């Protein structure tokens, strides 16, 4: 069995999904690592399911931002599905899951991670446009929102497709004339690997990161003028905002809630007043 988490053959190093923790008590280390993976898996599973249930319960108020957040939860659930397979390889230290799982495992991890990054940038952009224009202008229609979600998943699936193609099962020589199977990434050329790495880093890390930073910095810049407008005068956009249908519905709900709470608060005093009147009439 190999003694390191990364295997090497000649001048080439392979990534085999094996554990990097080594020591005299290997079993205890494996138990500890498996327990940590199981804890992370269960916490992530419970947290994402809980978040999905909260959003589904409020489906009548499921706006574009909430749909994008729901997409985040789904992508995160897809991400953690790889953890049980990785835990199996931690114990076997040899790839026994077959070619199909080898092609799909890291592809699913990369796909879901890419969807999370793109969804975060879409959420920040949608919030900026909504706040800047004082209405839900970004992804306002269901068709536009569905197209945006399909674009996110389709773009991420195509961009990470090389990982599905080039992850394969490789047999390497081990001690004693035996062979060991690993699932690893084998690029056909070094130039292609460098080109994909640089492009992926720019398109799916640098650009979305800039979108997130710029969007939230613009939100902070818009926040102060909006406070001034709300406190001093009412511009045309603000008047349109206050006259919009969904704002009026929220005002009606607040009034109903206030009337309900007022009646609930005054009920004990009314009942007490009736008791006092009743006792006075009985005394007479």
C-alpha atoms as a PDB file:
ATOM      1  CA  UNK A   1       0.000   0.000   0.000  1.00  0.00           C
ATOM      2  CA  UNK A   2       1.230   3.535  -0.667  1.00  0.00           C
ATOM      3  CA  UNK A   3       2.369   5.610   2.181  1.00  0.00           C
ATOM      4  CA  UNK A   4       1.299   9.002   0.896  1.00  0.00           C
ATOM      5  CA  UNK A   5      -1.919  10.676  -0.223  1.00  0.00           C
ATOM      6  CA  UNK A   6      -0.373  11.414  -3.625  1.00  0.00           C
ATOM      7  CA  UNK A   7       1.239   8.704  -5.739  1.00  0.00           C
ATOM      8  CA  UNK A   8       4.138   9.248  -8.096  1.00  0.00           C
ATOM      9  CA  UNK A   9       5.432   7.315 -11.064  1.00  0.00           C
ATOM     10  CA  UNK A  10       8.654   8.584 -12.501  1.00  0.00           C
ATOM     11  CA  UNK A  11       8.352  12.366 -12.822  1.00  0.00           C
ATOM     12  CA  UNK A  12       4.534  12.352 -12.640  1.00  0.00           C
ATOM     13  CA  UNK A  13       2.383  12.719  -9.524  1.00  0.00           C
ATOM     14  CA  UNK A  14      -1.195  11.419  -9.315  1.00  0.00           C
ATOM     15  CA  UNK A  15      -4.104  12.448  -7.151  1.00  0.00           C
ATOM     16  CA  UNK A  16      -5.698   9.206  -5.847  1.00  0.00           C
ATOM     17  CA  UNK A  17      -8.370  10.361  -3.298  1.00  0.00           C
ATOM     18  CA  UNK A  18      -6.344   8.625  -0.577  1.00  0.00           C
ATOM     19  CA  UNK A  19      -5.879   9.990   2.929  1.00  0.00           C
ATOM     20  CA  UNK A  20      -2.914  12.195   3.807  1.00  0.00           C
ATOM     21  CA  UNK A  21      -3.033  11.222   7.486  1.00  0.00           C
ATOM     22  CA  UNK A  22      -0.393   8.639   8.338  1.00  0.00           C
ATOM     23  CA  UNK A  23       0.942   7.231  11.573  1.00  0.00           C
ATOM     24  CA  UNK A  24       1.442   4.159  13.699  1.00  0.00           C
ATOM     25  CA  UNK A  25      -2.247   3.783  14.589  1.00  0.00           C
ATOM     26  CA  UNK A  26      -3.735   3.933  11.105  1.00  0.00           C
ATOM     27  CA  UNK A  27      -7.114   2.555  12.174  1.00  0.00           C
ATOM     28  CA  UNK A  28      -7.678   5.292  14.761  1.00  0.00           C
ATOM     29  CA  UNK A  29      -6.768   7.953  12.209  1.00  0.00           C
ATOM     30  CA  UNK A  30      -9.195   6.480   9.691  1.00  0.00           C
ATOM     31  CA  UNK A  31     -11.957   6.354  12.293  1.00  0.00           C
ATOM     32  CA  UNK A  32     -11.330   9.983  13.214  1.00  0.00           C
ATOM     33  CA  UNK A  33     -11.317  11.102   9.579  1.00  0.00           C
ATOM     34  CA  UNK A  34     -14.441   9.109   8.769  1.00  0.00           C
ATOM     35  CA  UNK A  35     -16.209  10.559  11.818  1.00  0.00           C
ATOM     36  CA  UNK A  36     -15.321  14.083  10.711  1.00  0.00           C
ATOM     37  CA  UNK A  37     -16.593  13.402   7.186  1.00  0.00           C
ATOM     38  CA  UNK A  38     -19.805  11.878   8.540  1.00  0.00           C
ATOM     39  CA  UNK A  39     -20.402  14.844  10.848  1.00  0.00           C
ATOM     40  CA  UNK A  40     -19.879  17.358   8.049  1.00  0.00           C
ATOM     41  CA  UNK A  41     -22.133  15.322   5.761  1.00  0.00           C
ATOM     42  CA  UNK A  42     -24.988  15.094   8.290  1.00  0.00           C
ATOM     43  CA  UNK A  43     -24.765  18.770   9.286  1.00  0.00           C
ATOM     44  CA  UNK A  44     -24.710  19.902   5.649  1.00  0.00           C
ATOM     45  CA  UNK A  45     -27.580  17.553   4.785  1.00  0.00           C
ATOM     46  CA  UNK A  46     -29.748  18.759   7.667  1.00  0.00           C
ATOM     47  CA  UNK A  47     -28.929  22.428   7.091  1.00  0.00           C
ATOM     48  CA  UNK A  48     -29.661  22.375   3.372  1.00  0.00           C
ATOM     49  CA  UNK A  49     -32.895  20.383   3.743  1.00  0.00           C
ATOM     50  CA  UNK A  50     -34.030  22.775   6.483  1.00  0.00           C
ATOM     51  CA  UNK A  51     -33.285  25.778   4.253  1.00  0.00           C
ATOM     52  CA  UNK A  52     -35.144  24.227   1.311  1.00  0.00           C
ATOM     53  CA  UNK A  53     -38.175  23.522   3.524  1.00  0.00           C
ATOM     54  CA  UNK A  54     -38.237  27.132   4.748  1.00  0.00           C
ATOM     55  CA  UNK A  55     -38.201  28.485   1.213  1.00  0.00           C
ATOM     56  CA  UNK A  56     -40.788  25.995  -0.044  1.00  0.00           C
ATOM     57  CA  UNK A  57     -43.167  26.940   2.777  1.00  0.00           C
ATOM     58  CA  UNK A  58     -42.977  30.553   1.585  1.00  0.00           C
ATOM     59  CA  UNK A  59     -43.516  29.691  -2.059  1.00  0.00           C
ATOM     60  CA  UNK A  60     -46.120  32.466  -2.361  1.00  0.00           C
ATOM     61  CA  UNK A  61     -43.268  34.923  -1.684  1.00  0.00           C
ATOM     62  CA  UNK A  62     -40.666  33.061  -3.725  1.00  0.00           C
ATOM     63  CA  UNK A  63     -38.923  35.968  -5.476  1.00  0.00           C
ATOM     64  CA  UNK A  64     -35.939  35.749  -7.787  1.00  0.00           C
ATOM     65  CA  UNK A  65     -33.383  36.084  -4.982  1.00  0.00           C
ATOM     66  CA  UNK A  66     -35.047  33.276  -3.007  1.00  0.00           C
ATOM     67  CA  UNK A  67     -35.073  31.051  -6.105  1.00  0.00           C
ATOM     68  CA  UNK A  68     -31.354  31.626  -6.526  1.00  0.00           C
ATOM     69  CA  UNK A  69     -30.788  30.817  -2.849  1.00  0.00           C
ATOM     70  CA  UNK A  70     -32.861  27.657  -3.317  1.00  0.00           C
ATOM     71  CA  UNK A  71     -30.561  26.815  -6.212  1.00  0.00           C
ATOM     72  CA  UNK A  72     -27.613  27.227  -3.835  1.00  0.00           C
ATOM     73  CA  UNK A  73     -29.105  24.713  -1.405  1.00  0.00           C
ATOM     74  CA  UNK A  74     -29.682  22.182  -4.202  1.00  0.00           C
ATOM     75  CA  UNK A  75     -26.140  22.583  -5.516  1.00  0.00           C
ATOM     76  CA  UNK A  76     -24.745  22.121  -2.013  1.00  0.00           C
ATOM     77  CA  UNK A  77     -26.759  18.918  -1.597  1.00  0.00           C
ATOM     78  CA  UNK A  78     -25.278  17.664  -4.850  1.00  0.00           C
ATOM     79  CA  UNK A  79     -21.810  18.595  -3.584  1.00  0.00           C
ATOM     80  CA  UNK A  80     -22.029  16.505  -0.408  1.00  0.00           C
ATOM     81  CA  UNK A  81     -23.170  13.385  -2.286  1.00  0.00           C
ATOM     82  CA  UNK A  82     -19.494  12.747  -3.083  1.00  0.00           C
ATOM     83  CA  UNK A  83     -18.495  12.458   0.575  1.00  0.00           C
ATOM     84  CA  UNK A  84     -19.625   8.824   1.158  1.00  0.00           C
ATOM     85  CA  UNK A  85     -17.632   7.652  -1.878  1.00  0.00           C
ATOM     86  CA  UNK A  86     -14.533   9.503  -0.671  1.00  0.00           C
ATOM     87  CA  UNK A  87     -14.943   7.918   2.771  1.00  0.00           C
ATOM     88  CA  UNK A  88     -14.972   4.457   1.168  1.00  0.00           C
ATOM     89  CA  UNK A  89     -11.699   5.153  -0.646  1.00  0.00           C
ATOM     90  CA  UNK A  90     -10.154   6.363   2.617  1.00  0.00           C
ATOM     91  CA  UNK A  91     -10.568   2.840   4.000  1.00  0.00           C
ATOM     92  CA  UNK A  92      -9.821   0.704   0.941  1.00  0.00           C
ATOM     93  CA  UNK A  93      -6.889   2.820  -0.338  1.00  0.00           C
ATOM     94  CA  UNK A  94      -7.594   1.318  -3.723  1.00  0.00           C
ATOM     95  CA  UNK A  95     -10.223   2.295  -6.252  1.00  0.00           C
ATOM     96  CA  UNK A  96     -12.973  -0.338  -6.113  1.00  0.00           C
ATOM     97  CA  UNK A  97     -15.945   1.775  -7.256  1.00  0.00           C
ATOM     98  CA  UNK A  98     -15.613   1.253 -11.010  1.00  0.00           C
ATOM     99  CA  UNK A  99     -15.028   3.443 -14.048  1.00  0.00           C
ATOM    100  CA  UNK A 100     -18.393   5.230 -14.073  1.00  0.00           C
ATOM    101  CA  UNK A 101     -18.032   6.535 -10.513  1.00  0.00           C
ATOM    102  CA  UNK A 102     -14.452   7.544 -11.299  1.00  0.00           C
ATOM    103  CA  UNK A 103     -15.622   9.680 -14.218  1.00  0.00           C
ATOM    104  CA  UNK A 104     -18.543  11.214 -12.323  1.00  0.00           C
ATOM    105  CA  UNK A 105     -17.231  11.771  -8.785  1.00  0.00           C
ATOM    106  CA  UNK A 106     -14.999  14.807  -9.219  1.00  0.00           C
ATOM    107  CA  UNK A 107     -17.184  16.051 -12.060  1.00  0.00           C
ATOM    108  CA  UNK A 108     -20.169  16.272  -9.684  1.00  0.00           C
ATOM    109  CA  UNK A 109     -18.023  18.016  -7.055  1.00  0.00           C
ATOM    110  CA  UNK A 110     -16.705  20.565  -9.551  1.00  0.00           C
ATOM    111  CA  UNK A 111     -20.109  21.084 -11.177  1.00  0.00           C
ATOM    112  CA  UNK A 112     -21.885  21.800  -7.898  1.00  0.00           C
ATOM    113  CA  UNK A 113     -19.081  24.055  -6.679  1.00  0.00           C
ATOM    114  CA  UNK A 114     -19.177  26.048  -9.912  1.00  0.00           C
ATOM    115  CA  UNK A 115     -22.960  26.405  -9.682  1.00  0.00           C
ATOM    116  CA  UNK A 116     -22.600  27.722  -6.116  1.00  0.00           C
ATOM    117  CA  UNK A 117     -20.116  30.397  -7.223  1.00  0.00           C
ATOM    118  CA  UNK A 118     -22.238  31.490 -10.194  1.00  0.00           C
ATOM    119  CA  UNK A 119     -25.400  31.545  -8.057  1.00  0.00           C
ATOM    120  CA  UNK A 120     -23.721  33.731  -5.435  1.00  0.00           C
ATOM    121  CA  UNK A 121     -22.705  36.234  -8.087  1.00  0.00           C
ATOM    122  CA  UNK A 122     -26.229  36.155  -9.570  1.00  0.00           C
ATOM    123  CA  UNK A 123     -27.755  36.805  -6.125  1.00  0.00           C
ATOM    124  CA  UNK A 124     -25.499  39.806  -5.549  1.00  0.00           C
ATOM    125  CA  UNK A 125     -26.260  41.188  -9.006  1.00  0.00           C
ATOM    126  CA  UNK A 126     -30.028  40.725  -8.562  1.00  0.00           C
ATOM    127  CA  UNK A 127     -29.991  42.475  -5.199  1.00  0.00           C
ATOM    128  CA  UNK A 128     -28.000  45.396  -6.560  1.00  0.00           C
ATOM    129  CA  UNK A 129     -30.360  45.919  -9.494  1.00  0.00           C
ATOM    130  CA  UNK A 130     -33.432  45.605  -7.251  1.00  0.00           C
ATOM    131  CA  UNK A 131     -32.120  48.113  -4.720  1.00  0.00           C
ATOM    132  CA  UNK A 132     -30.736  50.536  -7.289  1.00  0.00           C
ATOM    133  CA  UNK A 133     -33.992  50.670  -9.270  1.00  0.00           C
ATOM    134  CA  UNK A 134     -36.298  50.180  -6.263  1.00  0.00           C
ATOM    135  CA  UNK A 135     -38.060  47.261  -7.926  1.00  0.00           C
ATOM    136  CA  UNK A 136     -37.443  43.633  -8.823  1.00  0.00           C
ATOM    137  CA  UNK A 137     -36.090  44.350 -12.289  1.00  0.00           C
ATOM    138  CA  UNK A 138     -33.538  41.542 -12.525  1.00  0.00           C
ATOM    139  CA  UNK A 139     -35.129  38.182 -13.423  1.00  0.00           C
ATOM    140  CA  UNK A 140     -38.548  39.766 -13.049  1.00  0.00           C
ATOM    141  CA  UNK A 141     -40.317  37.213 -15.224  1.00  0.00           C
ATOM    142  CA  UNK A 142     -40.411  33.494 -14.565  1.00  0.00           C
ATOM    143  CA  UNK A 143     -39.064  32.747 -18.027  1.00  0.00           C
ATOM    144  CA  UNK A 144     -36.065  34.998 -17.429  1.00  0.00           C
ATOM    145  CA  UNK A 145     -35.404  33.369 -14.062  1.00  0.00           C
ATOM    146  CA  UNK A 146     -35.692  29.865 -15.539  1.00  0.00           C
ATOM    147  CA  UNK A 147     -33.355  30.863 -18.369  1.00  0.00           C
ATOM    148  CA  UNK A 148     -30.831  32.221 -15.863  1.00  0.00           C
ATOM    149  CA  UNK A 149     -30.899  28.986 -13.838  1.00  0.00           C
ATOM    150  CA  UNK A 150     -30.534  26.861 -16.972  1.00  0.00           C
ATOM    151  CA  UNK A 151     -27.655  29.056 -18.109  1.00  0.00           C
ATOM    152  CA  UNK A 152     -25.892  28.645 -14.757  1.00  0.00           C
ATOM    153  CA  UNK A 153     -26.209  24.851 -14.760  1.00  0.00           C
ATOM    154  CA  UNK A 154     -25.511  24.436 -18.465  1.00  0.00           C
ATOM    155  CA  UNK A 155     -22.454  26.695 -18.449  1.00  0.00           C
ATOM    156  CA  UNK A 156     -21.064  24.962 -15.351  1.00  0.00           C
ATOM    157  CA  UNK A 157     -21.715  21.504 -16.834  1.00  0.00           C
ATOM    158  CA  UNK A 158     -19.893  22.340 -20.067  1.00  0.00           C
ATOM    159  CA  UNK A 159     -16.978  24.041 -18.325  1.00  0.00           C
ATOM    160  CA  UNK A 160     -16.325  21.098 -15.991  1.00  0.00           C
ATOM    161  CA  UNK A 161     -16.926  18.433 -18.647  1.00  0.00           C
ATOM    162  CA  UNK A 162     -13.159  17.862 -19.211  1.00  0.00           C
ATOM    163  CA  UNK A 163     -12.924  16.607 -15.626  1.00  0.00           C
ATOM    164  CA  UNK A 164     -15.518  13.957 -16.419  1.00  0.00           C
ATOM    165  CA  UNK A 165     -13.663  12.916 -19.564  1.00  0.00           C
ATOM    166  CA  UNK A 166     -10.100  12.859 -18.229  1.00  0.00           C
ATOM    167  CA  UNK A 167     -10.662  11.328 -14.787  1.00  0.00           C
ATOM    168  CA  UNK A 168      -9.938   7.630 -15.289  1.00  0.00           C
ATOM    169  CA  UNK A 169      -8.826   4.481 -13.478  1.00  0.00           C
ATOM    170  CA  UNK A 170      -5.057   3.994 -13.610  1.00  0.00           C
ATOM    171  CA  UNK A 171      -3.097   0.932 -12.497  1.00  0.00           C
ATOM    172  CA  UNK A 172       0.232   1.626 -10.823  1.00  0.00           C
ATOM    173  CA  UNK A 173       2.874  -0.803  -9.601  1.00  0.00           C
ATOM    174  CA  UNK A 174       2.987  -1.374  -5.855  1.00  0.00           C
ATOM    175  CA  UNK A 175       5.414  -3.238  -3.628  1.00  0.00           C
ATOM    176  CA  UNK A 176       5.870  -6.966  -4.065  1.00  0.00           C
ATOM    177  CA  UNK A 177       5.088  -6.992  -7.768  1.00  0.00           C
ATOM    178  CA  UNK A 178       1.438  -6.086  -7.182  1.00  0.00           C
ATOM    179  CA  UNK A 179      -0.634  -3.372  -8.800  1.00  0.00           C
ATOM    180  CA  UNK A 180      -2.919  -0.783  -7.245  1.00  0.00           C
ATOM    181  CA  UNK A 181      -5.880   0.915  -8.886  1.00  0.00           C
ATOM    182  CA  UNK A 182      -6.444   4.627  -8.464  1.00  0.00           C
ATOM    183  CA  UNK A 183      -8.908   7.134  -9.897  1.00  0.00           C
ATOM    184  CA  UNK A 184      -6.981  10.166 -11.054  1.00  0.00           C
ATOM    185  CA  UNK A 185      -6.931  13.005 -13.555  1.00  0.00           C
ATOM    186  CA  UNK A 186      -4.839  12.343 -16.661  1.00  0.00           C
ATOM    187  CA  UNK A 187      -4.666  15.239 -19.128  1.00  0.00           C
ATOM    188  CA  UNK A 188      -3.726  14.443 -22.730  1.00  0.00           C
ATOM    189  CA  UNK A 189      -1.261  17.355 -22.778  1.00  0.00           C
ATOM    190  CA  UNK A 190       0.347  19.771 -20.364  1.00  0.00           C
ATOM    191  CA  UNK A 191      -0.592  22.754 -22.528  1.00  0.00           C
ATOM    192  CA  UNK A 192      -4.267  21.783 -22.452  1.00  0.00           C
ATOM    193  CA  UNK A 193      -4.171  21.405 -18.680  1.00  0.00           C
ATOM    194  CA  UNK A 194      -2.596  24.843 -18.201  1.00  0.00           C
ATOM    195  CA  UNK A 195      -5.066  26.461 -20.610  1.00  0.00           C
ATOM    196  CA  UNK A 196      -8.074  24.940 -18.839  1.00  0.00           C
ATOM    197  CA  UNK A 197      -6.743  25.819 -15.371  1.00  0.00           C
ATOM    198  CA  UNK A 198      -6.121  29.465 -16.256  1.00  0.00           C
ATOM    199  CA  UNK A 199      -9.448  29.871 -18.080  1.00  0.00           C
ATOM    200  CA  UNK A 200     -11.413  28.197 -15.297  1.00  0.00           C
ATOM    201  CA  UNK A 201      -9.769  30.346 -12.626  1.00  0.00           C
ATOM    202  CA  UNK A 202     -10.535  33.565 -14.508  1.00  0.00           C
ATOM    203  CA  UNK A 203     -14.098  32.757 -15.594  1.00  0.00           C
ATOM    204  CA  UNK A 204     -15.351  30.999 -12.448  1.00  0.00           C
ATOM    205  CA  UNK A 205     -13.325  32.612  -9.672  1.00  0.00           C
ATOM    206  CA  UNK A 206     -11.961  36.009 -10.677  1.00  0.00           C
ATOM    207  CA  UNK A 207     -14.967  37.344 -12.620  1.00  0.00           C
ATOM    208  CA  UNK A 208     -17.687  36.129 -10.181  1.00  0.00           C
ATOM    209  CA  UNK A 209     -15.621  37.427  -7.278  1.00  0.00           C
ATOM    210  CA  UNK A 210     -15.386  40.847  -8.903  1.00  0.00           C
ATOM    211  CA  UNK A 211     -19.137  40.818  -9.578  1.00  0.00           C
ATOM    212  CA  UNK A 212     -19.869  40.042  -5.914  1.00  0.00           C
ATOM    213  CA  UNK A 213     -17.473  42.699  -4.584  1.00  0.00           C
ATOM    214  CA  UNK A 214     -18.624  45.398  -7.015  1.00  0.00           C
ATOM    215  CA  UNK A 215     -22.330  44.639  -6.492  1.00  0.00           C
ATOM    216  CA  UNK A 216     -22.204  44.850  -2.707  1.00  0.00           C
ATOM    217  CA  UNK A 217     -19.970  47.921  -2.792  1.00  0.00           C
ATOM    218  CA  UNK A 218     -22.517  49.602  -5.079  1.00  0.00           C
ATOM    219  CA  UNK A 219     -25.300  48.583  -2.679  1.00  0.00           C
ATOM    220  CA  UNK A 220     -23.462  50.351   0.127  1.00  0.00           C
ATOM    221  CA  UNK A 221     -23.103  53.426  -2.074  1.00  0.00           C
ATOM    222  CA  UNK A 222     -26.812  53.430  -2.939  1.00  0.00           C
ATOM    223  CA  UNK A 223     -27.841  52.929   0.667  1.00  0.00           C
ATOM    224  CA  UNK A 224     -26.965  56.446   1.843  1.00  0.00           C
ATOM    225  CA  UNK A 225     -28.801  58.358  -0.927  1.00  0.00           C
ATOM    226  CA  UNK A 226     -31.847  56.141  -0.370  1.00  0.00           C
ATOM    227  CA  UNK A 227     -31.916  57.064   3.303  1.00  0.00           C
ATOM    228  CA  UNK A 228     -31.697  60.729   2.357  1.00  0.00           C
ATOM    229  CA  UNK A 229     -34.540  60.338  -0.135  1.00  0.00           C
ATOM    230  CA  UNK A 230     -36.718  58.559   2.400  1.00  0.00           C
ATOM    231  CA  UNK A 231     -36.102  61.231   5.026  1.00  0.00           C
ATOM    232  CA  UNK A 232     -36.248  64.426   2.960  1.00  0.00           C
ATOM    233  CA  UNK A 233     -38.193  64.177  -0.274  1.00  0.00           C
ATOM    234  CA  UNK A 234     -40.060  61.711  -2.415  1.00  0.00           C
ATOM    235  CA  UNK A 235     -38.648  61.337  -5.895  1.00  0.00           C
ATOM    236  CA  UNK A 236     -40.490  59.902  -8.866  1.00  0.00           C
ATOM    237  CA  UNK A 237     -38.937  56.467  -8.387  1.00  0.00           C
ATOM    238  CA  UNK A 238     -39.771  56.520  -4.688  1.00  0.00           C
ATOM    239  CA  UNK A 239     -43.362  57.542  -5.446  1.00  0.00           C
ATOM    240  CA  UNK A 240     -43.638  54.650  -7.922  1.00  0.00           C
ATOM    241  CA  UNK A 241     -42.195  52.365  -5.282  1.00  0.00           C
ATOM    242  CA  UNK A 242     -44.741  53.416  -2.651  1.00  0.00           C
ATOM    243  CA  UNK A 243     -47.633  53.161  -5.116  1.00  0.00           C
ATOM    244  CA  UNK A 244     -46.653  49.692  -6.293  1.00  0.00           C
ATOM    245  CA  UNK A 245     -49.049  46.829  -5.644  1.00  0.00           C
ATOM    246  CA  UNK A 246     -46.836  44.645  -3.490  1.00  0.00           C
ATOM    247  CA  UNK A 247     -45.901  47.551  -1.182  1.00  0.00           C
ATOM    248  CA  UNK A 248     -49.583  48.351  -0.630  1.00  0.00           C
ATOM    249  CA  UNK A 249     -50.248  44.689   0.158  1.00  0.00           C
ATOM    250  CA  UNK A 250     -47.493  44.720   2.754  1.00  0.00           C
ATOM    251  CA  UNK A 251     -48.948  47.891   4.320  1.00  0.00           C
ATOM    252  CA  UNK A 252     -52.394  46.234   4.535  1.00  0.00           C
ATOM    253  CA  UNK A 253     -50.834  43.184   6.179  1.00  0.00           C
ATOM    254  CA  UNK A 254     -49.074  45.364   8.715  1.00  0.00           C
ATOM    255  CA  UNK A 255     -52.326  47.182   9.509  1.00  0.00           C
ATOM    256  CA  UNK A 256     -54.174  43.887   9.966  1.00  0.00           C
ATOM    257  CA  UNK A 257     -51.407  42.587  12.195  1.00  0.00           C
ATOM    258  CA  UNK A 258     -51.502  45.781  14.278  1.00  0.00           C
ATOM    259  CA  UNK A 259     -55.294  45.611  14.671  1.00  0.00           C
ATOM    260  CA  UNK A 260     -55.104  41.952  15.678  1.00  0.00           C
ATOM    261  CA  UNK A 261     -52.402  42.614  18.271  1.00  0.00           C
ATOM    262  CA  UNK A 262     -54.305  45.635  19.597  1.00  0.00           C
ATOM    263  CA  UNK A 263     -57.494  43.621  20.075  1.00  0.00           C
ATOM    264  CA  UNK A 264     -55.509  40.761  21.608  1.00  0.00           C
ATOM    265  CA  UNK A 265     -53.841  43.133  24.057  1.00  0.00           C
ATOM    266  CA  UNK A 266     -57.073  44.899  25.053  1.00  0.00           C
ATOM    267  CA  UNK A 267     -59.108  41.687  25.463  1.00  0.00           C
ATOM    268  CA  UNK A 268     -58.073  41.000  29.120  1.00  0.00           C
ATOM    269  CA  UNK A 269     -58.957  44.548  30.104  1.00  0.00           C
ATOM    270  CA  UNK A 270     -62.379  44.263  28.484  1.00  0.00           C
ATOM    271  CA  UNK A 271     -63.080  40.956  30.212  1.00  0.00           C
ATOM    272  CA  UNK A 272     -61.928  42.422  33.525  1.00  0.00           C
ATOM    273  CA  UNK A 273     -64.234  45.389  33.060  1.00  0.00           C
ATOM    274  CA  UNK A 274     -67.149  43.027  32.410  1.00  0.00           C
ATOM    275  CA  UNK A 275     -66.351  41.049  35.583  1.00  0.00           C
ATOM    276  CA  UNK A 276     -66.300  44.223  37.636  1.00  0.00           C
ATOM    277  CA  UNK A 277     -69.666  45.309  36.213  1.00  0.00           C
ATOM    278  CA  UNK A 278     -71.134  41.871  36.851  1.00  0.00           C
ATOM    279  CA  UNK A 279     -69.960  41.767  40.468  1.00  0.00           C
ATOM    280  CA  UNK A 280     -71.321  45.267  41.085  1.00  0.00           C
ATOM    281  CA  UNK A 281     -74.766  44.324  39.771  1.00  0.00           C
ATOM    282  CA  UNK A 282     -74.839  41.169  41.887  1.00  0.00           C
ATOM    283  CA  UNK A 283     -73.953  43.167  45.001  1.00  0.00           C
ATOM    284  CA  UNK A 284     -76.822  45.506  44.362  1.00  0.00           C
END
